[in-house]
Amino acid sequence: MKITKFLNINIEPAPPELELEIEMQCREIMKADDLVDIKRYCTHLVRKKFDQDIFMASILNRLIDSLSSSGLKFFTSSFGILSIS
């Protein structure tokens, strides 16, 4: 299932150029023979994903704080993530 909306924000599909770049990088990884470098690369990706997750959580918390302090009502009943009154 592909997510097309998050927090009432439409998620645009990636442009073809970006999809091609990702596909080319994946193919480079798949044809590599050096398992040590592949493991090093994968652990680097896991750490970077963690950093991005923390960053996104911080942004969402800031958004929630901003909406709640301004007295705005934010309803997300369609996907049930949060509801601020």
PDB file of N, CA and C in Angstrom:
ATOM      1  N   MET A   1       0.836  -1.171   0.000  1.00  0.00           N
ATOM      2  CA  MET A   1       0.000   0.000   0.000  1.00  0.00           C
ATOM      3  C   MET A   1       0.888   1.244   0.000  1.00  0.00           C
ATOM      4  N   LYS A   2       0.655   2.110  -0.922  1.00  0.00           N
ATOM      5  CA  LYS A   2       1.458   3.327  -1.028  1.00  0.00           C
ATOM      6  C   LYS A   2       0.724   4.468  -0.329  1.00  0.00           C
ATOM      7  N   ILE A   3       1.399   5.153   0.574  1.00  0.00           N
ATOM      8  CA  ILE A   3       0.816   6.277   1.297  1.00  0.00           C
ATOM      9  C   ILE A   3       0.854   7.502   0.394  1.00  0.00           C
ATOM     10  N   THR A   4      -0.298   8.133   0.191  1.00  0.00           N
ATOM     11  CA  THR A   4      -0.360   9.311  -0.680  1.00  0.00           C
ATOM     12  C   THR A   4      -0.682  10.578   0.085  1.00  0.00           C
ATOM     13  N   LYS A   5      -0.986  10.441   1.391  1.00  0.00           N
ATOM     14  CA  LYS A   5      -1.322  11.611   2.186  1.00  0.00           C
ATOM     15  C   LYS A   5      -0.850  11.377   3.620  1.00  0.00           C
ATOM     16  N   PHE A   6      -0.292  12.412   4.227  1.00  0.00           N
ATOM     17  CA  PHE A   6       0.142  12.341   5.617  1.00  0.00           C
ATOM     18  C   PHE A   6      -0.114  13.685   6.256  1.00  0.00           C
ATOM     19  N   LEU A   7      -0.826  13.687   7.391  1.00  0.00           N
ATOM     20  CA  LEU A   7      -1.206  14.924   8.084  1.00  0.00           C
ATOM     21  C   LEU A   7      -1.886  15.909   7.123  1.00  0.00           C
ATOM     22  N   ASN A   8      -2.776  15.377   6.297  1.00  0.00           N
ATOM     23  CA  ASN A   8      -3.520  16.165   5.307  1.00  0.00           C
ATOM     24  C   ASN A   8      -2.616  16.865   4.293  1.00  0.00           C
ATOM     25  N   ILE A   9      -1.423  16.351   4.093  1.00  0.00           N
ATOM     26  CA  ILE A   9      -0.495  16.881   3.094  1.00  0.00           C
ATOM     27  C   ILE A   9      -0.340  15.818   2.021  1.00  0.00           C
ATOM     28  N   ASN A  10      -0.597  16.182   0.780  1.00  0.00           N
ATOM     29  CA  ASN A  10      -0.435  15.241  -0.318  1.00  0.00           C
ATOM     30  C   ASN A  10       1.040  14.922  -0.521  1.00  0.00           C
ATOM     31  N   ILE A  11       1.337  13.653  -0.676  1.00  0.00           N
ATOM     32  CA  ILE A  11       2.698  13.224  -0.951  1.00  0.00           C
ATOM     33  C   ILE A  11       2.807  13.027  -2.452  1.00  0.00           C
ATOM     34  N   GLU A  12       3.620  13.837  -3.075  1.00  0.00           N
ATOM     35  CA  GLU A  12       3.774  13.799  -4.522  1.00  0.00           C
ATOM     36  C   GLU A  12       4.639  12.605  -4.924  1.00  0.00           C
ATOM     37  N   PRO A  13       4.365  12.015  -6.080  1.00  0.00           N
ATOM     38  CA  PRO A  13       5.239  10.937  -6.542  1.00  0.00           C
ATOM     39  C   PRO A  13       6.616  11.491  -6.912  1.00  0.00           C
ATOM     40  N   ALA A  14       7.616  10.638  -6.761  1.00  0.00           N
ATOM     41  CA  ALA A  14       8.982  11.052  -7.091  1.00  0.00           C
ATOM     42  C   ALA A  14       9.106  11.281  -8.593  1.00  0.00           C
ATOM     43  N   PRO A  15       9.896  12.280  -8.985  1.00  0.00           N
ATOM     44  CA  PRO A  15      10.108  12.491 -10.426  1.00  0.00           C
ATOM     45  C   PRO A  15      10.874  11.311 -11.027  1.00  0.00           C
ATOM     46  N   PRO A  16      10.676  11.049 -12.313  1.00  0.00           N
ATOM     47  CA  PRO A  16      11.351   9.905 -12.961  1.00  0.00           C
ATOM     48  C   PRO A  16      12.872   9.948 -12.839  1.00  0.00           C
ATOM     49  N   GLU A  17      13.459  11.136 -12.850  1.00  0.00           N
ATOM     50  CA  GLU A  17      14.911  11.249 -12.731  1.00  0.00           C
ATOM     51  C   GLU A  17      15.397  10.702 -11.391  1.00  0.00           C
ATOM     52  N   LEU A  18      14.657  11.009 -10.329  1.00  0.00           N
ATOM     53  CA  LEU A  18      15.032  10.531  -9.001  1.00  0.00           C
ATOM     54  C   LEU A  18      14.843   9.022  -8.897  1.00  0.00           C
ATOM     55  N   GLU A  19      13.750   8.508  -9.452  1.00  0.00           N
ATOM     56  CA  GLU A  19      13.529   7.059  -9.447  1.00  0.00           C
ATOM     57  C   GLU A  19      14.644   6.338 -10.203  1.00  0.00           C
ATOM     58  N   LEU A  20      15.080   6.907 -11.322  1.00  0.00           N
ATOM     59  CA  LEU A  20      16.172   6.318 -12.097  1.00  0.00           C
ATOM     60  C   LEU A  20      17.468   6.325 -11.297  1.00  0.00           C
ATOM     61  N   GLU A  21      17.746   7.429 -10.621  1.00  0.00           N
ATOM     62  CA  GLU A  21      18.961   7.520  -9.796  1.00  0.00           C
ATOM     63  C   GLU A  21      18.954   6.458  -8.707  1.00  0.00           C
ATOM     64  N   ILE A  22      17.829   6.268  -8.046  1.00  0.00           N
ATOM     65  CA  ILE A  22      17.717   5.254  -6.993  1.00  0.00           C
ATOM     66  C   ILE A  22      17.923   3.861  -7.581  1.00  0.00           C
ATOM     67  N   GLU A  23      17.297   3.603  -8.722  1.00  0.00           N
ATOM     68  CA  GLU A  23      17.442   2.294  -9.370  1.00  0.00           C
ATOM     69  C   GLU A  23      18.901   2.023  -9.741  1.00  0.00           C
ATOM     70  N   MET A  24      19.594   3.029 -10.237  1.00  0.00           N
ATOM     71  CA  MET A  24      21.004   2.864 -10.603  1.00  0.00           C
ATOM     72  C   MET A  24      21.861   2.575  -9.371  1.00  0.00           C
ATOM     73  N   GLN A  25      21.584   3.257  -8.277  1.00  0.00           N
ATOM     74  CA  GLN A  25      22.330   3.010  -7.038  1.00  0.00           C
ATOM     75  C   GLN A  25      22.069   1.602  -6.517  1.00  0.00           C
ATOM     76  N   CYS A  26      20.817   1.160  -6.574  1.00  0.00           N
ATOM     77  CA  CYS A  26      20.480  -0.193  -6.119  1.00  0.00           C
ATOM     78  C   CYS A  26      21.194  -1.247  -6.952  1.00  0.00           C
ATOM     79  N   ARG A  27      21.254  -1.031  -8.246  1.00  0.00           N
ATOM     80  CA  ARG A  27      21.944  -1.984  -9.120  1.00  0.00           C
ATOM     81  C   ARG A  27      23.443  -2.031  -8.832  1.00  0.00           C
ATOM     82  N   GLU A  28      24.033  -0.876  -8.539  1.00  0.00           N
ATOM     83  CA  GLU A  28      25.453  -0.838  -8.176  1.00  0.00           C
ATOM     84  C   GLU A  28      25.708  -1.658  -6.911  1.00  0.00           C
ATOM     85  N   ILE A  29      24.832  -1.512  -5.934  1.00  0.00           N
ATOM     86  CA  ILE A  29      24.980  -2.257  -4.681  1.00  0.00           C
ATOM     87  C   ILE A  29      24.834  -3.750  -4.933  1.00  0.00           C
ATOM     88  N   MET A  30      23.844  -4.120  -5.736  1.00  0.00           N
ATOM     89  CA  MET A  30      23.579  -5.545  -5.985  1.00  0.00           C
ATOM     90  C   MET A  30      24.719  -6.231  -6.741  1.00  0.00           C
ATOM     91  N   LYS A  31      25.431  -5.514  -7.576  1.00  0.00           N
ATOM     92  CA  LYS A  31      26.513  -6.166  -8.319  1.00  0.00           C
ATOM     93  C   LYS A  31      27.864  -6.094  -7.599  1.00  0.00           C
ATOM     94  N   ALA A  32      27.909  -5.439  -6.438  1.00  0.00           N
ATOM     95  CA  ALA A  32      29.160  -5.357  -5.679  1.00  0.00           C
ATOM     96  C   ALA A  32      29.498  -6.715  -5.070  1.00  0.00           C
ATOM     97  N   ASP A  33      30.775  -7.039  -5.053  1.00  0.00           N
ATOM     98  CA  ASP A  33      31.239  -8.318  -4.512  1.00  0.00           C
ATOM     99  C   ASP A  33      31.847  -8.189  -3.120  1.00  0.00           C
ATOM    100  N   ASP A  34      32.179  -7.004  -2.703  1.00  0.00           N
ATOM    101  CA  ASP A  34      32.859  -6.793  -1.434  1.00  0.00           C
ATOM    102  C   ASP A  34      31.840  -6.711  -0.294  1.00  0.00           C
ATOM    103  N   LEU A  35      31.672  -7.815   0.430  1.00  0.00           N
ATOM    104  CA  LEU A  35      30.670  -7.863   1.498  1.00  0.00           C
ATOM    105  C   LEU A  35      31.000  -6.929   2.662  1.00  0.00           C
ATOM    106  N   VAL A  36      32.271  -6.708   2.927  1.00  0.00           N
ATOM    107  CA  VAL A  36      32.651  -5.818   4.021  1.00  0.00           C
ATOM    108  C   VAL A  36      32.174  -4.396   3.725  1.00  0.00           C
ATOM    109  N   ASP A  37      32.406  -3.935   2.498  1.00  0.00           N
ATOM    110  CA  ASP A  37      31.948  -2.595   2.131  1.00  0.00           C
ATOM    111  C   ASP A  37      30.424  -2.503   2.118  1.00  0.00           C
ATOM    112  N   ILE A  38      29.749  -3.549   1.673  1.00  0.00           N
ATOM    113  CA  ILE A  38      28.286  -3.551   1.670  1.00  0.00           C
ATOM    114  C   ILE A  38      27.757  -3.479   3.098  1.00  0.00           C
ATOM    115  N   LYS A  39      28.357  -4.239   3.999  1.00  0.00           N
ATOM    116  CA  LYS A  39      27.942  -4.194   5.413  1.00  0.00           C
ATOM    117  C   LYS A  39      28.180  -2.805   5.998  1.00  0.00           C
ATOM    118  N   ARG A  40      29.329  -2.228   5.686  1.00  0.00           N
ATOM    119  CA  ARG A  40      29.642  -0.886   6.181  1.00  0.00           C
ATOM    120  C   ARG A  40      28.621   0.130   5.657  1.00  0.00           C
ATOM    121  N   TYR A  41      28.283   0.015   4.377  1.00  0.00           N
ATOM    122  CA  TYR A  41      27.306   0.912   3.757  1.00  0.00           C
ATOM    123  C   TYR A  41      25.927   0.741   4.401  1.00  0.00           C
ATOM    124  N   CYS A  42      25.522  -0.509   4.630  1.00  0.00           N
ATOM    125  CA  CYS A  42      24.213  -0.765   5.238  1.00  0.00           C
ATOM    126  C   CYS A  42      24.126  -0.221   6.660  1.00  0.00           C
ATOM    127  N   THR A  43      25.178  -0.407   7.433  1.00  0.00           N
ATOM    128  CA  THR A  43      25.143   0.127   8.800  1.00  0.00           C
ATOM    129  C   THR A  43      25.118   1.652   8.782  1.00  0.00           C
ATOM    130  N   HIS A  44      25.787   2.252   7.811  1.00  0.00           N
ATOM    131  CA  HIS A  44      25.732   3.707   7.654  1.00  0.00           C
ATOM    132  C   HIS A  44      24.300   4.145   7.354  1.00  0.00           C
ATOM    133  N   LEU A  45      23.609   3.422   6.455  1.00  0.00           N
ATOM    134  CA  LEU A  45      22.221   3.756   6.117  1.00  0.00           C
ATOM    135  C   LEU A  45      21.290   3.622   7.324  1.00  0.00           C
ATOM    136  N   VAL A  46      21.501   2.588   8.120  1.00  0.00           N
ATOM    137  CA  VAL A  46      20.671   2.394   9.316  1.00  0.00           C
ATOM    138  C   VAL A  46      20.844   3.567  10.271  1.00  0.00           C
ATOM    139  N   ARG A  47      22.095   4.000  10.462  1.00  0.00           N
ATOM    140  CA  ARG A  47      22.338   5.144  11.360  1.00  0.00           C
ATOM    141  C   ARG A  47      21.728   6.437  10.812  1.00  0.00           C
ATOM    142  N   LYS A  48      21.847   6.645   9.500  1.00  0.00           N
ATOM    143  CA  LYS A  48      21.268   7.852   8.896  1.00  0.00           C
ATOM    144  C   LYS A  48      19.750   7.825   8.967  1.00  0.00           C
ATOM    145  N   LYS A  49      19.143   6.655   8.783  1.00  0.00           N
ATOM    146  CA  LYS A  49      17.690   6.541   8.892  1.00  0.00           C
ATOM    147  C   LYS A  49      17.244   6.890  10.320  1.00  0.00           C
ATOM    148  N   PHE A  50      18.009   6.433  11.298  1.00  0.00           N
ATOM    149  CA  PHE A  50      17.701   6.765  12.690  1.00  0.00           C
ATOM    150  C   PHE A  50      17.746   8.283  12.889  1.00  0.00           C
ATOM    151  N   ASP A  51      18.773   8.934  12.372  1.00  0.00           N
ATOM    152  CA  ASP A  51      18.879  10.392  12.479  1.00  0.00           C
ATOM    153  C   ASP A  51      17.676  11.075  11.827  1.00  0.00           C
ATOM    154  N   GLN A  52      17.267  10.586  10.666  1.00  0.00           N
ATOM    155  CA  GLN A  52      16.107  11.168   9.980  1.00  0.00           C
ATOM    156  C   GLN A  52      14.822  10.943  10.767  1.00  0.00           C
ATOM    157  N   ASP A  53      14.686   9.760  11.375  1.00  0.00           N
ATOM    158  CA  ASP A  53      13.499   9.481  12.194  1.00  0.00           C
ATOM    159  C   ASP A  53      13.411  10.433  13.385  1.00  0.00           C
ATOM    160  N   ILE A  54      14.539  10.656  14.038  1.00  0.00           N
ATOM    161  CA  ILE A  54      14.570  11.577  15.179  1.00  0.00           C
ATOM    162  C   ILE A  54      14.229  12.992  14.717  1.00  0.00           C
ATOM    163  N   PHE A  55      14.766  13.400  13.583  1.00  0.00           N
ATOM    164  CA  PHE A  55      14.492  14.719  13.034  1.00  0.00           C
ATOM    165  C   PHE A  55      13.008  14.882  12.718  1.00  0.00           C
ATOM    166  N   MET A  56      12.415  13.875  12.061  1.00  0.00           N
ATOM    167  CA  MET A  56      10.987  13.943  11.722  1.00  0.00           C
ATOM    168  C   MET A  56      10.123  13.966  12.981  1.00  0.00           C
ATOM    169  N   ALA A  57      10.489  13.190  13.981  1.00  0.00           N
ATOM    170  CA  ALA A  57       9.736  13.199  15.236  1.00  0.00           C
ATOM    171  C   ALA A  57       9.804  14.580  15.890  1.00  0.00           C
ATOM    172  N   SER A  58      10.957  15.218  15.839  1.00  0.00           N
ATOM    173  CA  SER A  58      11.106  16.556  16.405  1.00  0.00           C
ATOM    174  C   SER A  58      10.231  17.569  15.664  1.00  0.00           C
ATOM    175  N   ILE A  59      10.209  17.459  14.344  1.00  0.00           N
ATOM    176  CA  ILE A  59       9.379  18.368  13.546  1.00  0.00           C
ATOM    177  C   ILE A  59       7.899  18.160  13.864  1.00  0.00           C
ATOM    178  N   LEU A  60       7.471  16.896  13.944  1.00  0.00           N
ATOM    179  CA  LEU A  60       6.066  16.622  14.257  1.00  0.00           C
ATOM    180  C   LEU A  60       5.699  17.124  15.651  1.00  0.00           C
ATOM    181  N   ASN A  61       6.593  16.947  16.614  1.00  0.00           N
ATOM    182  CA  ASN A  61       6.336  17.462  17.962  1.00  0.00           C
ATOM    183  C   ASN A  61       6.218  18.981  17.950  1.00  0.00           C
ATOM    184  N   ARG A  62       7.065  19.633  17.192  1.00  0.00           N
ATOM    185  CA  ARG A  62       6.997  21.092  17.084  1.00  0.00           C
ATOM    186  C   ARG A  62       5.682  21.539  16.451  1.00  0.00           C
ATOM    187  N   LEU A  63       5.242  20.819  15.417  1.00  0.00           N
ATOM    188  CA  LEU A  63       3.971  21.116  14.769  1.00  0.00           C
ATOM    189  C   LEU A  63       2.818  20.942  15.748  1.00  0.00           C
ATOM    190  N   ILE A  64       2.836  19.859  16.494  1.00  0.00           N
ATOM    191  CA  ILE A  64       1.787  19.609  17.480  1.00  0.00           C
ATOM    192  C   ILE A  64       1.772  20.708  18.532  1.00  0.00           C
ATOM    193  N   ASP A  65       2.944  21.071  19.053  1.00  0.00           N
ATOM    194  CA  ASP A  65       3.028  22.138  20.050  1.00  0.00           C
ATOM    195  C   ASP A  65       2.523  23.460  19.482  1.00  0.00           C
ATOM    196  N   SER A  66       2.899  23.749  18.250  1.00  0.00           N
ATOM    197  CA  SER A  66       2.480  24.996  17.612  1.00  0.00           C
ATOM    198  C   SER A  66       0.963  25.039  17.431  1.00  0.00           C
ATOM    199  N   LEU A  67       0.397  23.938  16.964  1.00  0.00           N
ATOM    200  CA  LEU A  67      -1.048  23.894  16.763  1.00  0.00           C
ATOM    201  C   LEU A  67      -1.808  23.963  18.080  1.00  0.00           C
ATOM    202  N   SER A  68      -1.308  23.279  19.098  1.00  0.00           N
ATOM    203  CA  SER A  68      -2.013  23.278  20.375  1.00  0.00           C
ATOM    204  C   SER A  68      -1.896  24.629  21.085  1.00  0.00           C
ATOM    205  N   SER A  69      -0.759  25.297  20.955  1.00  0.00           N
ATOM    206  CA  SER A  69      -0.599  26.590  21.623  1.00  0.00           C
ATOM    207  C   SER A  69      -1.354  27.706  20.912  1.00  0.00           C
ATOM    208  N   SER A  70      -1.610  27.538  19.619  1.00  0.00           N
ATOM    209  CA  SER A  70      -2.335  28.578  18.895  1.00  0.00           C
ATOM    210  C   SER A  70      -3.843  28.398  18.998  1.00  0.00           C
ATOM    211  N   GLY A  71      -4.280  27.295  19.600  1.00  0.00           N
ATOM    212  CA  GLY A  71      -5.707  27.066  19.766  1.00  0.00           C
ATOM    213  C   GLY A  71      -6.391  26.536  18.528  1.00  0.00           C
ATOM    214  N   LEU A  72      -5.631  26.149  17.526  1.00  0.00           N
ATOM    215  CA  LEU A  72      -6.227  25.601  16.306  1.00  0.00           C
ATOM    216  C   LEU A  72      -6.681  24.174  16.547  1.00  0.00           C
ATOM    217  N   LYS A  73      -7.718  23.785  15.848  1.00  0.00           N
ATOM    218  CA  LYS A  73      -8.173  22.406  15.914  1.00  0.00           C
ATOM    219  C   LYS A  73      -7.631  21.675  14.698  1.00  0.00           C
ATOM    220  N   PHE A  74      -7.103  20.531  14.968  1.00  0.00           N
ATOM    221  CA  PHE A  74      -6.503  19.749  13.894  1.00  0.00           C
ATOM    222  C   PHE A  74      -7.080  18.351  13.978  1.00  0.00           C
ATOM    223  N   PHE A  75      -7.863  17.990  12.995  1.00  0.00           N
ATOM    224  CA  PHE A  75      -8.507  16.692  13.001  1.00  0.00           C
ATOM    225  C   PHE A  75      -7.890  15.801  11.942  1.00  0.00           C
ATOM    226  N   THR A  76      -7.594  14.579  12.330  1.00  0.00           N
ATOM    227  CA  THR A  76      -7.021  13.624  11.393  1.00  0.00           C
ATOM    228  C   THR A  76      -7.784  12.315  11.486  1.00  0.00           C
ATOM    229  N   SER A  77      -9.099  12.406  11.536  1.00  0.00           N
ATOM    230  CA  SER A  77      -9.888  11.203  11.713  1.00  0.00           C
ATOM    231  C   SER A  77      -9.711  10.214  10.570  1.00  0.00           C
ATOM    232  N   SER A  78      -9.318  10.697   9.399  1.00  0.00           N
ATOM    233  CA  SER A  78      -9.172   9.791   8.262  1.00  0.00           C
ATOM    234  C   SER A  78      -8.035   8.806   8.453  1.00  0.00           C
ATOM    235  N   PHE A  79      -6.992   9.179   9.219  1.00  0.00           N
ATOM    236  CA  PHE A  79      -5.913   8.241   9.455  1.00  0.00           C
ATOM    237  C   PHE A  79      -5.554   8.135  10.934  1.00  0.00           C
ATOM    238  N   GLY A  80      -6.265   8.847  11.796  1.00  0.00           N
ATOM    239  CA  GLY A  80      -6.181   8.661  13.235  1.00  0.00           C
ATOM    240  C   GLY A  80      -4.824   8.844  13.861  1.00  0.00           C
ATOM    241  N   ILE A  81      -4.009   9.767  13.385  1.00  0.00           N
ATOM    242  CA  ILE A  81      -2.689   9.959  13.970  1.00  0.00           C
ATOM    243  C   ILE A  81      -2.759  10.816  15.219  1.00  0.00           C
ATOM    244  N   LEU A  82      -3.447  11.948  15.143  1.00  0.00           N
ATOM    245  CA  LEU A  82      -3.543  12.807  16.311  1.00  0.00           C
ATOM    246  C   LEU A  82      -4.780  13.666  16.202  1.00  0.00           C
ATOM    247  N   SER A  83      -5.213  14.155  17.328  1.00  0.00           N
ATOM    248  CA  SER A  83      -6.366  15.042  17.344  1.00  0.00           C
ATOM    249  C   SER A  83      -6.132  16.069  18.431  1.00  0.00           C
ATOM    250  N   ILE A  84      -6.046  17.330  18.057  1.00  0.00           N
ATOM    251  CA  ILE A  84      -5.780  18.396  19.015  1.00  0.00           C
ATOM    252  C   ILE A  84      -7.019  19.278  19.075  1.00  0.00           C
ATOM    253  N   SER A  85      -7.490  19.542  20.281  1.00  0.00           N
ATOM    254  CA  SER A  85      -8.669  20.400  20.445  1.00  0.00           C
ATOM    255  C   SER A  85      -8.261  21.758  20.975  1.00  0.00           C
TER     256      SER A  85
END
